[in-house]
């Protein structure tokens, strides 16, 4: 099992996966929001960035057709996903439904 698969299947806290590419302008736009959310959530959330150009298998497995795509996993189950840029407060609102207080 890959390190990525192990993390999304066994993490005690939800894992937010950010599928991105270095050349993707919307990915650069959402990056500060992701960093801010990670700072606010602390140990209640893991954040993993997955470079779409280097991880075609993961892109195919999770049917990621466009970037940025955010997928929230917990114990291998997809809790939420979104393709495209969302405002930070929208992402936080969704995450707060799944993050232990």
PDB file of N, CA and C in Angstrom:
ATOM      1  N   UNK A   1       0.852  -1.188   0.000  1.00  0.00           N
ATOM      2  CA  UNK A   1       0.000   0.000   0.000  1.00  0.00           C
ATOM      3  C   UNK A   1       0.892   1.243   0.000  1.00  0.00           C
ATOM      4  N   UNK A   2       0.568   2.208  -0.863  1.00  0.00           N
ATOM      5  CA  UNK A   2       1.372   3.426  -0.931  1.00  0.00           C
ATOM      6  C   UNK A   2       1.161   4.268   0.325  1.00  0.00           C
ATOM      7  N   UNK A   3       2.080   5.168   0.538  1.00  0.00           N
ATOM      8  CA  UNK A   3       1.997   6.068   1.685  1.00  0.00           C
ATOM      9  C   UNK A   3       0.696   6.885   1.629  1.00  0.00           C
ATOM     10  N   UNK A   4       0.334   7.339   0.424  1.00  0.00           N
ATOM     11  CA  UNK A   4      -0.892   8.112   0.227  1.00  0.00           C
ATOM     12  C   UNK A   4      -2.118   7.282   0.596  1.00  0.00           C
ATOM     13  N   UNK A   5      -2.210   6.061   0.039  1.00  0.00           N
ATOM     14  CA  UNK A   5      -3.354   5.187   0.340  1.00  0.00           C
ATOM     15  C   UNK A   5      -3.436   4.880   1.822  1.00  0.00           C
ATOM     16  N   UNK A   6      -2.294   4.618   2.418  1.00  0.00           N
ATOM     17  CA  UNK A   6      -2.249   4.324   3.846  1.00  0.00           C
ATOM     18  C   UNK A   6      -2.794   5.505   4.649  1.00  0.00           C
ATOM     19  N   UNK A   7      -2.386   6.712   4.287  1.00  0.00           N
ATOM     20  CA  UNK A   7      -2.820   7.904   5.015  1.00  0.00           C
ATOM     21  C   UNK A   7      -4.334   8.097   4.908  1.00  0.00           C
ATOM     22  N   UNK A   8      -4.878   8.049   3.691  1.00  0.00           N
ATOM     23  CA  UNK A   8      -6.315   8.322   3.556  1.00  0.00           C
ATOM     24  C   UNK A   8      -7.183   7.194   4.094  1.00  0.00           C
ATOM     25  N   UNK A   9      -6.624   6.003   4.239  1.00  0.00           N
ATOM     26  CA  UNK A   9      -7.401   4.868   4.748  1.00  0.00           C
ATOM     27  C   UNK A   9      -7.305   4.676   6.255  1.00  0.00           C
ATOM     28  N   UNK A  10      -6.242   5.187   6.880  1.00  0.00           N
ATOM     29  CA  UNK A  10      -6.033   4.892   8.298  1.00  0.00           C
ATOM     30  C   UNK A  10      -5.990   6.116   9.207  1.00  0.00           C
ATOM     31  N   UNK A  11      -5.980   7.315   8.646  1.00  0.00           N
ATOM     32  CA  UNK A  11      -5.878   8.517   9.479  1.00  0.00           C
ATOM     33  C   UNK A  11      -7.063   8.611  10.433  1.00  0.00           C
ATOM     34  N   UNK A  12      -6.773   8.946  11.672  1.00  0.00           N
ATOM     35  CA  UNK A  12      -7.818   9.126  12.685  1.00  0.00           C
ATOM     36  C   UNK A  12      -8.608  10.405  12.446  1.00  0.00           C
ATOM     37  N   UNK A  13      -7.987  11.366  11.775  1.00  0.00           N
ATOM     38  CA  UNK A  13      -8.668  12.630  11.466  1.00  0.00           C
ATOM     39  C   UNK A  13      -8.900  12.702   9.958  1.00  0.00           C
ATOM     40  N   UNK A  14      -9.877  13.492   9.531  1.00  0.00           N
ATOM     41  CA  UNK A  14     -10.108  13.640   8.094  1.00  0.00           C
ATOM     42  C   UNK A  14      -8.865  14.153   7.362  1.00  0.00           C
ATOM     43  N   UNK A  15      -8.744  13.761   6.096  1.00  0.00           N
ATOM     44  CA  UNK A  15      -7.614  14.156   5.263  1.00  0.00           C
ATOM     45  C   UNK A  15      -8.164  14.919   4.057  1.00  0.00           C
ATOM     46  N   UNK A  16      -7.756  16.171   3.931  1.00  0.00           N
ATOM     47  CA  UNK A  16      -8.143  16.984   2.779  1.00  0.00           C
ATOM     48  C   UNK A  16      -7.042  16.864   1.737  1.00  0.00           C
ATOM     49  N   UNK A  17      -7.395  16.325   0.571  1.00  0.00           N
ATOM     50  CA  UNK A  17      -6.424  16.153  -0.504  1.00  0.00           C
ATOM     51  C   UNK A  17      -6.675  17.231  -1.546  1.00  0.00           C
ATOM     52  N   UNK A  18      -5.608  17.962  -1.847  1.00  0.00           N
ATOM     53  CA  UNK A  18      -5.646  19.042  -2.830  1.00  0.00           C
ATOM     54  C   UNK A  18      -4.915  18.563  -4.077  1.00  0.00           C
ATOM     55  N   UNK A  19      -5.671  18.200  -5.118  1.00  0.00           N
ATOM     56  CA  UNK A  19      -5.072  17.814  -6.395  1.00  0.00           C
ATOM     57  C   UNK A  19      -4.779  19.106  -7.160  1.00  0.00           C
ATOM     58  N   UNK A  20      -3.518  19.301  -7.535  1.00  0.00           N
ATOM     59  CA  UNK A  20      -3.090  20.556  -8.143  1.00  0.00           C
ATOM     60  C   UNK A  20      -2.035  20.288  -9.212  1.00  0.00           C
ATOM     61  N   UNK A  21      -1.628  21.354  -9.906  1.00  0.00           N
ATOM     62  CA  UNK A  21      -0.473  21.313 -10.809  1.00  0.00           C
ATOM     63  C   UNK A  21       0.248  22.652 -10.693  1.00  0.00           C
ATOM     64  N   UNK A  22       1.550  22.615 -10.885  1.00  0.00           N
ATOM     65  CA  UNK A  22       2.348  23.842 -10.765  1.00  0.00           C
ATOM     66  C   UNK A  22       1.941  24.900 -11.792  1.00  0.00           C
ATOM     67  N   UNK A  23       1.497  24.477 -12.955  1.00  0.00           N
ATOM     68  CA  UNK A  23       1.136  25.404 -14.038  1.00  0.00           C
ATOM     69  C   UNK A  23      -0.293  25.932 -13.926  1.00  0.00           C
ATOM     70  N   UNK A  24      -1.048  25.436 -12.970  1.00  0.00           N
ATOM     71  CA  UNK A  24      -2.484  25.748 -12.844  1.00  0.00           C
ATOM     72  C   UNK A  24      -2.694  27.032 -12.035  1.00  0.00           C
ATOM     73  N   UNK A  25      -3.160  28.092 -12.710  1.00  0.00           N
ATOM     74  CA  UNK A  25      -3.378  29.370 -12.025  1.00  0.00           C
ATOM     75  C   UNK A  25      -4.450  29.292 -10.936  1.00  0.00           C
ATOM     76  N   UNK A  26      -5.604  28.656 -11.180  1.00  0.00           N
ATOM     77  CA  UNK A  26      -6.594  28.527 -10.100  1.00  0.00           C
ATOM     78  C   UNK A  26      -6.036  27.769  -8.880  1.00  0.00           C
ATOM     79  N   UNK A  27      -5.119  26.820  -9.131  1.00  0.00           N
ATOM     80  CA  UNK A  27      -4.496  26.093  -8.017  1.00  0.00           C
ATOM     81  C   UNK A  27      -3.677  27.039  -7.145  1.00  0.00           C
ATOM     82  N   UNK A  28      -3.008  27.985  -7.785  1.00  0.00           N
ATOM     83  CA  UNK A  28      -2.237  28.987  -7.027  1.00  0.00           C
ATOM     84  C   UNK A  28      -3.176  29.913  -6.259  1.00  0.00           C
ATOM     85  N   UNK A  29      -4.352  30.175  -6.832  1.00  0.00           N
ATOM     86  CA  UNK A  29      -5.322  31.052  -6.169  1.00  0.00           C
ATOM     87  C   UNK A  29      -5.871  30.423  -4.895  1.00  0.00           C
ATOM     88  N   UNK A  30      -6.077  29.108  -4.899  1.00  0.00           N
ATOM     89  CA  UNK A  30      -6.690  28.441  -3.747  1.00  0.00           C
ATOM     90  C   UNK A  30      -5.660  28.064  -2.669  1.00  0.00           C
ATOM     91  N   UNK A  31      -4.389  28.006  -3.046  1.00  0.00           N
ATOM     92  CA  UNK A  31      -3.343  27.553  -2.116  1.00  0.00           C
ATOM     93  C   UNK A  31      -3.299  28.336  -0.800  1.00  0.00           C
ATOM     94  N   UNK A  32      -3.363  29.681  -0.816  1.00  0.00           N
ATOM     95  CA  UNK A  32      -3.344  30.404   0.474  1.00  0.00           C
ATOM     96  C   UNK A  32      -4.522  30.042   1.370  1.00  0.00           C
ATOM     97  N   UNK A  33      -5.687  29.793   0.779  1.00  0.00           N
ATOM     98  CA  UNK A  33      -6.861  29.400   1.576  1.00  0.00           C
ATOM     99  C   UNK A  33      -6.631  28.052   2.232  1.00  0.00           C
ATOM    100  N   UNK A  34      -6.045  27.117   1.492  1.00  0.00           N
ATOM    101  CA  UNK A  34      -5.769  25.778   2.031  1.00  0.00           C
ATOM    102  C   UNK A  34      -4.785  25.880   3.193  1.00  0.00           C
ATOM    103  N   UNK A  35      -3.729  26.692   3.014  1.00  0.00           N
ATOM    104  CA  UNK A  35      -2.746  26.879   4.098  1.00  0.00           C
ATOM    105  C   UNK A  35      -3.404  27.505   5.325  1.00  0.00           C
ATOM    106  N   UNK A  36      -4.273  28.486   5.116  1.00  0.00           N
ATOM    107  CA  UNK A  36      -4.959  29.155   6.217  1.00  0.00           C
ATOM    108  C   UNK A  36      -5.868  28.184   6.963  1.00  0.00           C
ATOM    109  N   UNK A  37      -6.609  27.397   6.221  1.00  0.00           N
ATOM    110  CA  UNK A  37      -7.506  26.406   6.828  1.00  0.00           C
ATOM    111  C   UNK A  37      -6.714  25.401   7.649  1.00  0.00           C
ATOM    112  N   UNK A  38      -5.601  24.937   7.106  1.00  0.00           N
ATOM    113  CA  UNK A  38      -4.744  23.987   7.845  1.00  0.00           C
ATOM    114  C   UNK A  38      -4.291  24.619   9.154  1.00  0.00           C
ATOM    115  N   UNK A  39      -3.912  25.887   9.103  1.00  0.00           N
ATOM    116  CA  UNK A  39      -3.485  26.583  10.318  1.00  0.00           C
ATOM    117  C   UNK A  39      -4.590  26.675  11.353  1.00  0.00           C
ATOM    118  N   UNK A  40      -5.809  26.943  10.893  1.00  0.00           N
ATOM    119  CA  UNK A  40      -6.951  27.072  11.807  1.00  0.00           C
ATOM    120  C   UNK A  40      -7.379  25.725  12.383  1.00  0.00           C
ATOM    121  N   UNK A  41      -7.342  24.675  11.575  1.00  0.00           N
ATOM    122  CA  UNK A  41      -7.825  23.350  11.994  1.00  0.00           C
ATOM    123  C   UNK A  41      -6.794  22.585  12.825  1.00  0.00           C
ATOM    124  N   UNK A  42      -5.523  22.897  12.617  1.00  0.00           N
ATOM    125  CA  UNK A  42      -4.464  22.239  13.386  1.00  0.00           C
ATOM    126  C   UNK A  42      -4.484  20.727  13.243  1.00  0.00           C
ATOM    127  N   UNK A  43      -4.473  20.031  14.391  1.00  0.00           N
ATOM    128  CA  UNK A  43      -4.397  18.568  14.409  1.00  0.00           C
ATOM    129  C   UNK A  43      -5.725  17.885  14.082  1.00  0.00           C
ATOM    130  N   UNK A  44      -6.781  18.656  13.873  1.00  0.00           N
ATOM    131  CA  UNK A  44      -8.093  18.059  13.583  1.00  0.00           C
ATOM    132  C   UNK A  44      -8.248  17.699  12.111  1.00  0.00           C
ATOM    133  N   UNK A  45      -7.244  18.085  11.285  1.00  0.00           N
ATOM    134  CA  UNK A  45      -7.307  17.862   9.850  1.00  0.00           C
ATOM    135  C   UNK A  45      -5.902  17.689   9.303  1.00  0.00           C
ATOM    136  N   UNK A  46      -5.737  16.698   8.434  1.00  0.00           N
ATOM    137  CA  UNK A  46      -4.486  16.568   7.694  1.00  0.00           C
ATOM    138  C   UNK A  46      -4.742  17.130   6.300  1.00  0.00           C
ATOM    139  N   UNK A  47      -3.735  17.793   5.734  1.00  0.00           N
ATOM    140  CA  UNK A  47      -3.835  18.326   4.378  1.00  0.00           C
ATOM    141  C   UNK A  47      -2.697  17.742   3.557  1.00  0.00           C
ATOM    142  N   UNK A  48      -3.052  17.197   2.391  1.00  0.00           N
ATOM    143  CA  UNK A  48      -2.066  16.599   1.498  1.00  0.00           C
ATOM    144  C   UNK A  48      -2.236  17.225   0.125  1.00  0.00           C
ATOM    145  N   UNK A  49      -1.119  17.685  -0.443  1.00  0.00           N
ATOM    146  CA  UNK A  49      -1.148  18.200  -1.806  1.00  0.00           C
ATOM    147  C   UNK A  49      -0.652  17.097  -2.732  1.00  0.00           C
ATOM    148  N   UNK A  50      -1.408  16.838  -3.806  1.00  0.00           N
ATOM    149  CA  UNK A  50      -1.042  15.802  -4.764  1.00  0.00           C
ATOM    150  C   UNK A  50      -0.859  16.462  -6.129  1.00  0.00           C
ATOM    151  N   UNK A  51       0.367  16.402  -6.646  1.00  0.00           N
ATOM    152  CA  UNK A  51       0.673  16.976  -7.954  1.00  0.00           C
ATOM    153  C   UNK A  51       0.065  16.080  -9.030  1.00  0.00           C
ATOM    154  N   UNK A  52      -0.888  16.615  -9.765  1.00  0.00           N
ATOM    155  CA  UNK A  52      -1.620  15.817 -10.751  1.00  0.00           C
ATOM    156  C   UNK A  52      -0.726  15.313 -11.876  1.00  0.00           C
ATOM    157  N   UNK A  53       0.295  16.075 -12.237  1.00  0.00           N
ATOM    158  CA  UNK A  53       1.196  15.650 -13.311  1.00  0.00           C
ATOM    159  C   UNK A  53       2.040  14.444 -12.911  1.00  0.00           C
ATOM    160  N   UNK A  54       2.320  14.314 -11.632  1.00  0.00           N
ATOM    161  CA  UNK A  54       3.194  13.239 -11.153  1.00  0.00           C
ATOM    162  C   UNK A  54       2.416  12.067 -10.564  1.00  0.00           C
ATOM    163  N   UNK A  55       1.102  12.181 -10.470  1.00  0.00           N
ATOM    164  CA  UNK A  55       0.283  11.146  -9.819  1.00  0.00           C
ATOM    165  C   UNK A  55      -0.939  10.799 -10.645  1.00  0.00           C
ATOM    166  N   UNK A  56      -0.695  10.370 -11.873  1.00  0.00           N
ATOM    167  CA  UNK A  56      -1.795  10.038 -12.786  1.00  0.00           C
ATOM    168  C   UNK A  56      -2.662   8.894 -12.257  1.00  0.00           C
ATOM    169  N   UNK A  57      -2.041   7.946 -11.546  1.00  0.00           N
ATOM    170  CA  UNK A  57      -2.815   6.819 -11.002  1.00  0.00           C
ATOM    171  C   UNK A  57      -3.866   7.306 -10.005  1.00  0.00           C
ATOM    172  N   UNK A  58      -3.462   8.202  -9.113  1.00  0.00           N
ATOM    173  CA  UNK A  58      -4.401   8.742  -8.117  1.00  0.00           C
ATOM    174  C   UNK A  58      -5.486   9.552  -8.812  1.00  0.00           C
ATOM    175  N   UNK A  59      -5.107  10.299  -9.845  1.00  0.00           N
ATOM    176  CA  UNK A  59      -6.090  11.089 -10.597  1.00  0.00           C
ATOM    177  C   UNK A  59      -7.151  10.159 -11.200  1.00  0.00           C
ATOM    178  N   UNK A  60      -6.701   9.066 -11.777  1.00  0.00           N
ATOM    179  CA  UNK A  60      -7.623   8.118 -12.410  1.00  0.00           C
ATOM    180  C   UNK A  60      -8.485   7.415 -11.367  1.00  0.00           C
ATOM    181  N   UNK A  61      -7.845   6.961 -10.290  1.00  0.00           N
ATOM    182  CA  UNK A  61      -8.571   6.215  -9.260  1.00  0.00           C
ATOM    183  C   UNK A  61      -9.720   7.026  -8.663  1.00  0.00           C
ATOM    184  N   UNK A  62      -9.479   8.316  -8.436  1.00  0.00           N
ATOM    185  CA  UNK A  62     -10.492   9.159  -7.801  1.00  0.00           C
ATOM    186  C   UNK A  62     -11.255  10.018  -8.815  1.00  0.00           C
ATOM    187  N   UNK A  63     -11.087   9.689 -10.100  1.00  0.00           N
ATOM    188  CA  UNK A  63     -11.831  10.335 -11.183  1.00  0.00           C
ATOM    189  C   UNK A  63     -11.722  11.857 -11.143  1.00  0.00           C
ATOM    190  N   UNK A  64     -10.507  12.337 -10.929  1.00  0.00           N
ATOM    191  CA  UNK A  64     -10.248  13.774 -10.928  1.00  0.00           C
ATOM    192  C   UNK A  64     -10.066  14.208 -12.381  1.00  0.00           C
ATOM    193  N   UNK A  65     -10.999  15.000 -12.865  1.00  0.00           N
ATOM    194  CA  UNK A  65     -11.007  15.423 -14.274  1.00  0.00           C
ATOM    195  C   UNK A  65     -10.493  16.849 -14.459  1.00  0.00           C
ATOM    196  N   UNK A  66     -10.552  17.647 -13.401  1.00  0.00           N
ATOM    197  CA  UNK A  66     -10.065  19.022 -13.493  1.00  0.00           C
ATOM    198  C   UNK A  66      -9.390  19.399 -12.179  1.00  0.00           C
ATOM    199  N   UNK A  67      -8.555  20.405 -12.265  1.00  0.00           N
ATOM    200  CA  UNK A  67      -7.856  20.872 -11.070  1.00  0.00           C
ATOM    201  C   UNK A  67      -8.072  22.374 -10.938  1.00  0.00           C
ATOM    202  N   UNK A  68      -8.059  22.890  -9.725  1.00  0.00           N
ATOM    203  CA  UNK A  68      -7.899  22.151  -8.483  1.00  0.00           C
ATOM    204  C   UNK A  68      -9.149  21.341  -8.132  1.00  0.00           C
ATOM    205  N   UNK A  69      -8.908  20.180  -7.548  1.00  0.00           N
ATOM    206  CA  UNK A  69      -9.980  19.373  -6.976  1.00  0.00           C
ATOM    207  C   UNK A  69      -9.606  19.081  -5.533  1.00  0.00           C
ATOM    208  N   UNK A  70     -10.541  19.314  -4.638  1.00  0.00           N
ATOM    209  CA  UNK A  70     -10.357  18.996  -3.224  1.00  0.00           C
ATOM    210  C   UNK A  70     -11.229  17.791  -2.910  1.00  0.00           C
ATOM    211  N   UNK A  71     -10.646  16.801  -2.224  1.00  0.00           N
ATOM    212  CA  UNK A  71     -11.414  15.641  -1.770  1.00  0.00           C
ATOM    213  C   UNK A  71     -11.121  15.441  -0.289  1.00  0.00           C
ATOM    214  N   UNK A  72     -12.171  15.325   0.497  1.00  0.00           N
ATOM    215  CA  UNK A  72     -12.035  15.076   1.929  1.00  0.00           C
ATOM    216  C   UNK A  72     -12.294  13.606   2.192  1.00  0.00           C
ATOM    217  N   UNK A  73     -11.290  12.923   2.739  1.00  0.00           N
ATOM    218  CA  UNK A  73     -11.382  11.503   3.060  1.00  0.00           C
ATOM    219  C   UNK A  73     -11.396  11.323   4.569  1.00  0.00           C
ATOM    220  N   UNK A  74     -12.052  10.255   5.016  1.00  0.00           N
ATOM    221  CA  UNK A  74     -11.899   9.806   6.399  1.00  0.00           C
ATOM    222  C   UNK A  74     -12.029   8.295   6.400  1.00  0.00           C
ATOM    223  N   UNK A  75     -10.967   7.646   6.824  1.00  0.00           N
ATOM    224  CA  UNK A  75     -10.890   6.178   6.866  1.00  0.00           C
ATOM    225  C   UNK A  75     -11.266   5.559   5.507  1.00  0.00           C
ATOM    226  N   UNK A  76     -10.735   6.167   4.439  1.00  0.00           N
ATOM    227  CA  UNK A  76     -10.904   5.639   3.095  1.00  0.00           C
ATOM    228  C   UNK A  76     -12.176   6.050   2.393  1.00  0.00           C
ATOM    229  N   UNK A  77     -13.075   6.685   3.106  1.00  0.00           N
ATOM    230  CA  UNK A  77     -14.368   7.077   2.530  1.00  0.00           C
ATOM    231  C   UNK A  77     -14.316   8.544   2.099  1.00  0.00           C
ATOM    232  N   UNK A  78     -14.872   8.830   0.923  1.00  0.00           N
ATOM    233  CA  UNK A  78     -14.948  10.220   0.471  1.00  0.00           C
ATOM    234  C   UNK A  78     -16.148  10.878   1.146  1.00  0.00           C
ATOM    235  N   UNK A  79     -15.862  11.935   1.906  1.00  0.00           N
ATOM    236  CA  UNK A  79     -16.917  12.667   2.600  1.00  0.00           C
ATOM    237  C   UNK A  79     -17.425  13.832   1.764  1.00  0.00           C
ATOM    238  N   UNK A  80     -16.524  14.415   0.939  1.00  0.00           N
ATOM    239  CA  UNK A  80     -16.865  15.612   0.171  1.00  0.00           C
ATOM    240  C   UNK A  80     -15.834  15.794  -0.920  1.00  0.00           C
ATOM    241  N   UNK A  81     -16.257  16.368  -2.023  1.00  0.00           N
ATOM    242  CA  UNK A  81     -15.311  16.725  -3.084  1.00  0.00           C
ATOM    243  C   UNK A  81     -15.803  17.953  -3.813  1.00  0.00           C
ATOM    244  N   UNK A  82     -14.848  18.708  -4.362  1.00  0.00           N
ATOM    245  CA  UNK A  82     -15.181  19.903  -5.123  1.00  0.00           C
ATOM    246  C   UNK A  82     -14.108  20.154  -6.163  1.00  0.00           C
ATOM    247  N   UNK A  83     -14.542  20.413  -7.379  1.00  0.00           N
ATOM    248  CA  UNK A  83     -13.612  20.811  -8.445  1.00  0.00           C
ATOM    249  C   UNK A  83     -13.768  22.308  -8.652  1.00  0.00           C
ATOM    250  N   UNK A  84     -12.640  22.998  -8.729  1.00  0.00           N
ATOM    251  CA  UNK A  84     -12.664  24.444  -8.934  1.00  0.00           C
ATOM    252  C   UNK A  84     -12.351  25.197  -7.658  1.00  0.00           C
ATOM    253  N   UNK A  85     -12.311  26.507  -7.794  1.00  0.00           N
ATOM    254  CA  UNK A  85     -11.939  27.375  -6.675  1.00  0.00           C
ATOM    255  C   UNK A  85     -13.184  27.760  -5.875  1.00  0.00           C
ATOM    256  N   UNK A  86     -13.085  27.613  -4.582  1.00  0.00           N
ATOM    257  CA  UNK A  86     -14.128  28.073  -3.662  1.00  0.00           C
ATOM    258  C   UNK A  86     -13.514  29.099  -2.720  1.00  0.00           C
ATOM    259  N   UNK A  87     -14.306  30.052  -2.239  1.00  0.00           N
ATOM    260  CA  UNK A  87     -13.794  30.966  -1.214  1.00  0.00           C
ATOM    261  C   UNK A  87     -13.451  30.180   0.063  1.00  0.00           C
ATOM    262  N   UNK A  88     -12.476  30.673   0.778  1.00  0.00           N
ATOM    263  CA  UNK A  88     -12.022  30.000   2.002  1.00  0.00           C
ATOM    264  C   UNK A  88     -13.170  29.717   2.967  1.00  0.00           C
ATOM    265  N   UNK A  89     -14.071  30.688   3.160  1.00  0.00           N
ATOM    266  CA  UNK A  89     -15.155  30.489   4.122  1.00  0.00           C
ATOM    267  C   UNK A  89     -16.081  29.349   3.699  1.00  0.00           C
ATOM    268  N   UNK A  90     -16.252  29.147   2.392  1.00  0.00           N
ATOM    269  CA  UNK A  90     -17.098  28.044   1.904  1.00  0.00           C
ATOM    270  C   UNK A  90     -16.456  26.692   2.220  1.00  0.00           C
ATOM    271  N   UNK A  91     -15.148  26.594   1.997  1.00  0.00           N
ATOM    272  CA  UNK A  91     -14.425  25.352   2.289  1.00  0.00           C
ATOM    273  C   UNK A  91     -14.498  25.069   3.788  1.00  0.00           C
ATOM    274  N   UNK A  92     -14.266  26.105   4.587  1.00  0.00           N
ATOM    275  CA  UNK A  92     -14.319  25.946   6.046  1.00  0.00           C
ATOM    276  C   UNK A  92     -15.694  25.482   6.515  1.00  0.00           C
ATOM    277  N   UNK A  93     -16.741  26.055   5.930  1.00  0.00           N
ATOM    278  CA  UNK A  93     -18.108  25.697   6.313  1.00  0.00           C
ATOM    279  C   UNK A  93     -18.341  24.202   6.101  1.00  0.00           C
ATOM    280  N   UNK A  94     -17.895  23.691   4.962  1.00  0.00           N
ATOM    281  CA  UNK A  94     -18.049  22.265   4.669  1.00  0.00           C
ATOM    282  C   UNK A  94     -17.199  21.432   5.628  1.00  0.00           C
ATOM    283  N   UNK A  95     -15.945  21.804   5.792  1.00  0.00           N
ATOM    284  CA  UNK A  95     -15.048  21.029   6.662  1.00  0.00           C
ATOM    285  C   UNK A  95     -15.555  20.973   8.093  1.00  0.00           C
ATOM    286  N   UNK A  96     -16.127  22.063   8.563  1.00  0.00           N
ATOM    287  CA  UNK A  96     -16.622  22.117   9.940  1.00  0.00           C
ATOM    288  C   UNK A  96     -17.718  21.081  10.209  1.00  0.00           C
ATOM    289  N   UNK A  97     -18.405  20.643   9.166  1.00  0.00           N
ATOM    290  CA  UNK A  97     -19.417  19.605   9.334  1.00  0.00           C
ATOM    291  C   UNK A  97     -18.784  18.258   9.686  1.00  0.00           C
ATOM    292  N   UNK A  98     -17.534  18.060   9.265  1.00  0.00           N
ATOM    293  CA  UNK A  98     -16.879  16.765   9.402  1.00  0.00           C
ATOM    294  C   UNK A  98     -15.752  16.731  10.431  1.00  0.00           C
ATOM    295  N   UNK A  99     -15.341  17.887  10.897  1.00  0.00           N
ATOM    296  CA  UNK A  99     -14.196  17.955  11.812  1.00  0.00           C
ATOM    297  C   UNK A  99     -14.697  17.938  13.248  1.00  0.00           C
ATOM    298  N   UNK A 100     -14.083  17.085  14.054  1.00  0.00           N
ATOM    299  CA  UNK A 100     -14.449  17.018  15.480  1.00  0.00           C
ATOM    300  C   UNK A 100     -14.090  18.330  16.150  1.00  0.00           C
ATOM    301  N   UNK A 101     -15.009  18.828  16.931  1.00  0.00           N
ATOM    302  CA  UNK A 101     -14.791  20.116  17.620  1.00  0.00           C
ATOM    303  C   UNK A 101     -13.898  19.955  18.825  1.00  0.00           C
TER     304      UNK A 101
END
